[in-house]
Amino acid sequence: MSQQEEDLILRMYRLVGNRWEIIAGRVPGRKAVEIERYWIMRNNNTHFLPSTCKS
Protein backbone atom coordinates (compact mmCIF):
# COMPACT_ATOMS: atom_id res chain seq x y z
CA MET A 1 0.00 0.00 0.00
CA SER A 2 1.53 3.31 -1.02
CA GLN A 3 1.57 6.36 1.25
CA GLN A 4 -0.82 8.09 -1.15
CA GLU A 5 -3.27 5.17 -0.89
CA GLU A 6 -2.97 5.14 2.90
CA ASP A 7 -3.72 8.86 3.08
CA LEU A 8 -6.73 8.46 0.81
CA ILE A 9 -8.07 5.53 2.84
CA LEU A 10 -7.73 7.51 6.06
CA ARG A 11 -9.52 10.52 4.59
CA MET A 12 -12.27 8.36 3.14
CA TYR A 13 -12.69 6.45 6.40
CA ARG A 14 -13.22 9.74 8.21
CA LEU A 15 -15.92 10.63 5.69
CA VAL A 16 -17.81 7.35 5.26
CA GLY A 17 -16.66 5.08 8.09
CA ASN A 18 -16.11 1.40 7.39
CA ARG A 19 -17.98 1.35 4.10
CA TRP A 20 -15.17 -0.51 2.37
CA GLU A 21 -16.89 -0.79 -1.03
CA ILE A 22 -17.17 3.00 -1.27
CA ILE A 23 -13.57 3.50 -0.17
CA ALA A 24 -12.31 0.84 -2.60
CA GLY A 25 -14.14 2.63 -5.40
CA ARG A 26 -11.84 5.59 -4.84
CA VAL A 27 -8.59 3.60 -4.63
CA PRO A 28 -7.71 2.33 -8.11
CA GLY A 29 -6.82 -1.36 -8.28
CA ARG A 30 -7.89 -2.17 -4.72
CA LYS A 31 -10.80 -4.34 -3.62
CA ALA A 32 -12.95 -3.71 -0.57
CA VAL A 33 -11.54 -6.77 1.20
CA GLU A 34 -7.98 -5.47 0.70
CA ILE A 35 -8.90 -2.09 2.15
CA GLU A 36 -10.63 -3.68 5.13
CA ARG A 37 -7.71 -6.04 5.77
CA TYR A 38 -5.26 -3.13 5.58
CA TRP A 39 -7.39 -1.14 8.05
CA ILE A 40 -7.60 -4.02 10.52
CA MET A 41 -3.84 -4.68 10.36
CA ARG A 42 -3.05 -0.97 10.68
CA ASN A 43 -5.18 -0.58 13.77
CA ASN A 44 -4.05 -3.84 15.38
CA ASN A 45 -0.40 -2.81 15.03
CA THR A 46 -0.92 0.33 17.12
CA HIS A 47 -0.92 -1.88 20.22
CA PHE A 48 2.74 -2.66 19.59
CA LEU A 49 3.99 0.90 19.26
CA PRO A 50 6.24 2.10 22.08
CA SER A 51 4.57 4.38 24.57
CA THR A 52 5.51 8.05 24.41
CA CYS A 53 4.26 8.70 27.95
CA LYS A 54 6.85 9.24 30.64
CA SER A 55 6.27 8.30 34.25
PDB file of N, CA and C in Angstrom:
ATOM      1  N   MET A   1       0.858  -1.167   0.000  1.00  0.00           N
ATOM      2  CA  MET A   1       0.000   0.000   0.000  1.00  0.00           C
ATOM      3  C   MET A   1       0.908   1.235   0.000  1.00  0.00           C
ATOM      4  N   SER A   2       0.704   2.107  -0.949  1.00  0.00           N
ATOM      5  CA  SER A   2       1.528   3.315  -1.022  1.00  0.00           C
ATOM      6  C   SER A   2       1.061   4.344   0.016  1.00  0.00           C
ATOM      7  N   GLN A   3       1.921   5.299   0.293  1.00  0.00           N
ATOM      8  CA  GLN A   3       1.573   6.359   1.247  1.00  0.00           C
ATOM      9  C   GLN A   3       0.363   7.147   0.747  1.00  0.00           C
ATOM     10  N   GLN A   4       0.307   7.361  -0.553  1.00  0.00           N
ATOM     11  CA  GLN A   4      -0.816   8.087  -1.146  1.00  0.00           C
ATOM     12  C   GLN A   4      -2.126   7.315  -0.931  1.00  0.00           C
ATOM     13  N   GLU A   5      -2.081   5.994  -1.120  1.00  0.00           N
ATOM     14  CA  GLU A   5      -3.270   5.170  -0.890  1.00  0.00           C
ATOM     15  C   GLU A   5      -3.671   5.201   0.583  1.00  0.00           C
ATOM     16  N   GLU A   6      -2.685   5.110   1.463  1.00  0.00           N
ATOM     17  CA  GLU A   6      -2.971   5.139   2.898  1.00  0.00           C
ATOM     18  C   GLU A   6      -3.641   6.450   3.299  1.00  0.00           C
ATOM     19  N   ASP A   7      -3.135   7.552   2.784  1.00  0.00           N
ATOM     20  CA  ASP A   7      -3.724   8.861   3.083  1.00  0.00           C
ATOM     21  C   ASP A   7      -5.163   8.942   2.585  1.00  0.00           C
ATOM     22  N   LEU A   8      -5.390   8.444   1.382  1.00  0.00           N
ATOM     23  CA  LEU A   8      -6.733   8.463   0.810  1.00  0.00           C
ATOM     24  C   LEU A   8      -7.685   7.595   1.630  1.00  0.00           C
ATOM     25  N   ILE A   9      -7.232   6.423   2.029  1.00  0.00           N
ATOM     26  CA  ILE A   9      -8.066   5.532   2.837  1.00  0.00           C
ATOM     27  C   ILE A   9      -8.429   6.202   4.158  1.00  0.00           C
ATOM     28  N   LEU A  10      -7.467   6.822   4.796  1.00  0.00           N
ATOM     29  CA  LEU A  10      -7.729   7.505   6.063  1.00  0.00           C
ATOM     30  C   LEU A  10      -8.753   8.625   5.880  1.00  0.00           C
ATOM     31  N   ARG A  11      -8.573   9.427   4.847  1.00  0.00           N
ATOM     32  CA  ARG A  11      -9.524  10.520   4.593  1.00  0.00           C
ATOM     33  C   ARG A  11     -10.920   9.982   4.295  1.00  0.00           C
ATOM     34  N   MET A  12     -10.974   8.945   3.475  1.00  0.00           N
ATOM     35  CA  MET A  12     -12.271   8.357   3.136  1.00  0.00           C
ATOM     36  C   MET A  12     -12.929   7.726   4.359  1.00  0.00           C
ATOM     37  N   TYR A  13     -12.136   7.077   5.195  1.00  0.00           N
ATOM     38  CA  TYR A  13     -12.691   6.453   6.399  1.00  0.00           C
ATOM     39  C   TYR A  13     -13.318   7.511   7.301  1.00  0.00           C
ATOM     40  N   ARG A  14     -12.667   8.647   7.397  1.00  0.00           N
ATOM     41  CA  ARG A  14     -13.218   9.741   8.212  1.00  0.00           C
ATOM     42  C   ARG A  14     -14.546  10.240   7.650  1.00  0.00           C
ATOM     43  N   LEU A  15     -14.688  10.164   6.334  1.00  0.00           N
ATOM     44  CA  LEU A  15     -15.925  10.629   5.694  1.00  0.00           C
ATOM     45  C   LEU A  15     -17.059   9.609   5.748  1.00  0.00           C
ATOM     46  N   VAL A  16     -16.741   8.343   5.443  1.00  0.00           N
ATOM     47  CA  VAL A  16     -17.807   7.346   5.262  1.00  0.00           C
ATOM     48  C   VAL A  16     -17.746   6.182   6.243  1.00  0.00           C
ATOM     49  N   GLY A  17     -16.760   6.184   7.133  1.00  0.00           N
ATOM     50  CA  GLY A  17     -16.656   5.083   8.087  1.00  0.00           C
ATOM     51  C   GLY A  17     -16.172   3.812   7.406  1.00  0.00           C
ATOM     52  N   ASN A  18     -16.618   2.678   7.903  1.00  0.00           N
ATOM     53  CA  ASN A  18     -16.113   1.404   7.393  1.00  0.00           C
ATOM     54  C   ASN A  18     -16.922   0.875   6.207  1.00  0.00           C
ATOM     55  N   ARG A  19     -17.275   1.745   5.323  1.00  0.00           N
ATOM     56  CA  ARG A  19     -17.983   1.355   4.096  1.00  0.00           C
ATOM     57  C   ARG A  19     -16.923   1.068   3.032  1.00  0.00           C
ATOM     58  N   TRP A  20     -16.353  -0.130   3.140  1.00  0.00           N
ATOM     59  CA  TRP A  20     -15.170  -0.510   2.367  1.00  0.00           C
ATOM     60  C   TRP A  20     -15.400  -0.475   0.864  1.00  0.00           C
ATOM     61  N   GLU A  21     -16.593  -0.815   0.415  1.00  0.00           N
ATOM     62  CA  GLU A  21     -16.890  -0.787  -1.026  1.00  0.00           C
ATOM     63  C   GLU A  21     -16.761   0.633  -1.576  1.00  0.00           C
ATOM     64  N   ILE A  22     -17.251   1.596  -0.830  1.00  0.00           N
ATOM     65  CA  ILE A  22     -17.172   2.996  -1.266  1.00  0.00           C
ATOM     66  C   ILE A  22     -15.716   3.448  -1.290  1.00  0.00           C
ATOM     67  N   ILE A  23     -14.980   3.106  -0.244  1.00  0.00           N
ATOM     68  CA  ILE A  23     -13.566   3.498  -0.174  1.00  0.00           C
ATOM     69  C   ILE A  23     -12.790   2.844  -1.314  1.00  0.00           C
ATOM     70  N   ALA A  24     -13.023   1.558  -1.539  1.00  0.00           N
ATOM     71  CA  ALA A  24     -12.311   0.839  -2.604  1.00  0.00           C
ATOM     72  C   ALA A  24     -12.613   1.437  -3.974  1.00  0.00           C
ATOM     73  N   GLY A  25     -13.795   1.985  -4.136  1.00  0.00           N
ATOM     74  CA  GLY A  25     -14.144   2.627  -5.398  1.00  0.00           C
ATOM     75  C   GLY A  25     -13.301   3.856  -5.697  1.00  0.00           C
ATOM     76  N   ARG A  26     -12.687   4.411  -4.677  1.00  0.00           N
ATOM     77  CA  ARG A  26     -11.836   5.595  -4.839  1.00  0.00           C
ATOM     78  C   ARG A  26     -10.352   5.266  -4.914  1.00  0.00           C
ATOM     79  N   VAL A  27      -9.999   4.017  -4.606  1.00  0.00           N
ATOM     80  CA  VAL A  27      -8.593   3.605  -4.627  1.00  0.00           C
ATOM     81  C   VAL A  27      -8.406   2.655  -5.812  1.00  0.00           C
ATOM     82  N   PRO A  28      -7.845   3.149  -6.905  1.00  0.00           N
ATOM     83  CA  PRO A  28      -7.715   2.326  -8.109  1.00  0.00           C
ATOM     84  C   PRO A  28      -6.944   1.026  -7.858  1.00  0.00           C
ATOM     85  N   GLY A  29      -7.502  -0.069  -8.363  1.00  0.00           N
ATOM     86  CA  GLY A  29      -6.824  -1.357  -8.284  1.00  0.00           C
ATOM     87  C   GLY A  29      -6.954  -2.073  -6.954  1.00  0.00           C
ATOM     88  N   ARG A  30      -7.726  -1.532  -6.031  1.00  0.00           N
ATOM     89  CA  ARG A  30      -7.889  -2.166  -4.717  1.00  0.00           C
ATOM     90  C   ARG A  30      -9.328  -2.627  -4.538  1.00  0.00           C
ATOM     91  N   LYS A  31      -9.474  -3.793  -3.920  1.00  0.00           N
ATOM     92  CA  LYS A  31     -10.797  -4.336  -3.624  1.00  0.00           C
ATOM     93  C   LYS A  31     -11.163  -3.996  -2.186  1.00  0.00           C
ATOM     94  N   ALA A  32     -12.455  -4.046  -1.908  1.00  0.00           N
ATOM     95  CA  ALA A  32     -12.947  -3.712  -0.568  1.00  0.00           C
ATOM     96  C   ALA A  32     -12.296  -4.582   0.499  1.00  0.00           C
ATOM     97  N   VAL A  33     -12.136  -5.860   0.211  1.00  0.00           N
ATOM     98  CA  VAL A  33     -11.543  -6.766   1.200  1.00  0.00           C
ATOM     99  C   VAL A  33     -10.085  -6.391   1.488  1.00  0.00           C
ATOM    100  N   GLU A  34      -9.365  -5.907   0.489  1.00  0.00           N
ATOM    101  CA  GLU A  34      -7.981  -5.469   0.696  1.00  0.00           C
ATOM    102  C   GLU A  34      -7.931  -4.239   1.597  1.00  0.00           C
ATOM    103  N   ILE A  35      -8.843  -3.313   1.351  1.00  0.00           N
ATOM    104  CA  ILE A  35      -8.899  -2.091   2.150  1.00  0.00           C
ATOM    105  C   ILE A  35      -9.244  -2.429   3.596  1.00  0.00           C
ATOM    106  N   GLU A  36     -10.229  -3.285   3.780  1.00  0.00           N
ATOM    107  CA  GLU A  36     -10.630  -3.676   5.134  1.00  0.00           C
ATOM    108  C   GLU A  36      -9.491  -4.396   5.854  1.00  0.00           C
ATOM    109  N   ARG A  37      -8.833  -5.304   5.170  1.00  0.00           N
ATOM    110  CA  ARG A  37      -7.712  -6.043   5.766  1.00  0.00           C
ATOM    111  C   ARG A  37      -6.587  -5.081   6.157  1.00  0.00           C
ATOM    112  N   TYR A  38      -6.283  -4.142   5.273  1.00  0.00           N
ATOM    113  CA  TYR A  38      -5.265  -3.133   5.583  1.00  0.00           C
ATOM    114  C   TYR A  38      -5.659  -2.366   6.846  1.00  0.00           C
ATOM    115  N   TRP A  39      -6.915  -1.936   6.921  1.00  0.00           N
ATOM    116  CA  TRP A  39      -7.387  -1.141   8.051  1.00  0.00           C
ATOM    117  C   TRP A  39      -7.272  -1.920   9.362  1.00  0.00           C
ATOM    118  N   ILE A  40      -7.668  -3.179   9.325  1.00  0.00           N
ATOM    119  CA  ILE A  40      -7.597  -4.019  10.525  1.00  0.00           C
ATOM    120  C   ILE A  40      -6.145  -4.186  10.964  1.00  0.00           C
ATOM    121  N   MET A  41      -5.260  -4.491  10.022  1.00  0.00           N
ATOM    122  CA  MET A  41      -3.845  -4.676  10.359  1.00  0.00           C
ATOM    123  C   MET A  41      -3.235  -3.375  10.881  1.00  0.00           C
ATOM    124  N   ARG A  42      -3.577  -2.277  10.263  1.00  0.00           N
ATOM    125  CA  ARG A  42      -3.049  -0.970  10.676  1.00  0.00           C
ATOM    126  C   ARG A  42      -3.449  -0.664  12.110  1.00  0.00           C
ATOM    127  N   ASN A  43      -4.694  -0.902  12.438  1.00  0.00           N
ATOM    128  CA  ASN A  43      -5.180  -0.584  13.773  1.00  0.00           C
ATOM    129  C   ASN A  43      -4.739  -1.596  14.816  1.00  0.00           C
ATOM    130  N   ASN A  44      -4.549  -2.839  14.435  1.00  0.00           N
ATOM    131  CA  ASN A  44      -4.049  -3.836  15.382  1.00  0.00           C
ATOM    132  C   ASN A  44      -2.592  -3.587  15.725  1.00  0.00           C
ATOM    133  N   ASN A  45      -1.820  -3.051  14.789  1.00  0.00           N
ATOM    134  CA  ASN A  45      -0.399  -2.811  15.027  1.00  0.00           C
ATOM    135  C   ASN A  45      -0.153  -1.649  15.979  1.00  0.00           C
ATOM    136  N   THR A  46      -1.135  -0.807  16.221  1.00  0.00           N
ATOM    137  CA  THR A  46      -0.923   0.325  17.117  1.00  0.00           C
ATOM    138  C   THR A  46      -0.704  -0.138  18.550  1.00  0.00           C
ATOM    139  N   HIS A  47      -1.121  -1.355  18.875  1.00  0.00           N
ATOM    140  CA  HIS A  47      -0.918  -1.884  20.221  1.00  0.00           C
ATOM    141  C   HIS A  47       0.558  -2.158  20.497  1.00  0.00           C
ATOM    142  N   PHE A  48       1.348  -2.289  19.437  1.00  0.00           N
ATOM    143  CA  PHE A  48       2.741  -2.658  19.595  1.00  0.00           C
ATOM    144  C   PHE A  48       3.689  -1.472  19.495  1.00  0.00           C
ATOM    145  N   LEU A  49       3.144  -0.280  19.335  1.00  0.00           N
ATOM    146  CA  LEU A  49       3.994   0.898  19.259  1.00  0.00           C
ATOM    147  C   LEU A  49       4.487   1.263  20.652  1.00  0.00           C
ATOM    148  N   PRO A  50       5.729   1.717  20.759  1.00  0.00           N
ATOM    149  CA  PRO A  50       6.236   2.098  22.079  1.00  0.00           C
ATOM    150  C   PRO A  50       5.472   3.292  22.636  1.00  0.00           C
ATOM    151  N   SER A  51       5.295   3.298  23.913  1.00  0.00           N
ATOM    152  CA  SER A  51       4.572   4.379  24.571  1.00  0.00           C
ATOM    153  C   SER A  51       5.429   5.641  24.588  1.00  0.00           C
ATOM    154  N   THR A  52       4.784   6.775  24.365  1.00  0.00           N
ATOM    155  CA  THR A  52       5.505   8.046  24.413  1.00  0.00           C
ATOM    156  C   THR A  52       5.300   8.741  25.751  1.00  0.00           C
ATOM    157  N   CYS A  53       4.512   8.125  26.628  1.00  0.00           N
ATOM    158  CA  CYS A  53       4.258   8.700  27.947  1.00  0.00           C
ATOM    159  C   CYS A  53       5.437   8.422  28.872  1.00  0.00           C
ATOM    160  N   LYS A  54       5.782   9.412  29.663  1.00  0.00           N
ATOM    161  CA  LYS A  54       6.854   9.241  30.638  1.00  0.00           C
ATOM    162  C   LYS A  54       6.257   9.241  32.032  1.00  0.00           C
ATOM    163  N   SER A  55       6.783   8.390  32.875  1.00  0.00           N
ATOM    164  CA  SER A  55       6.271   8.303  34.251  1.00  0.00           C
ATOM    165  C   SER A  55       6.961   9.295  35.147  1.00  0.00           C
TER     166      SER A  55
END
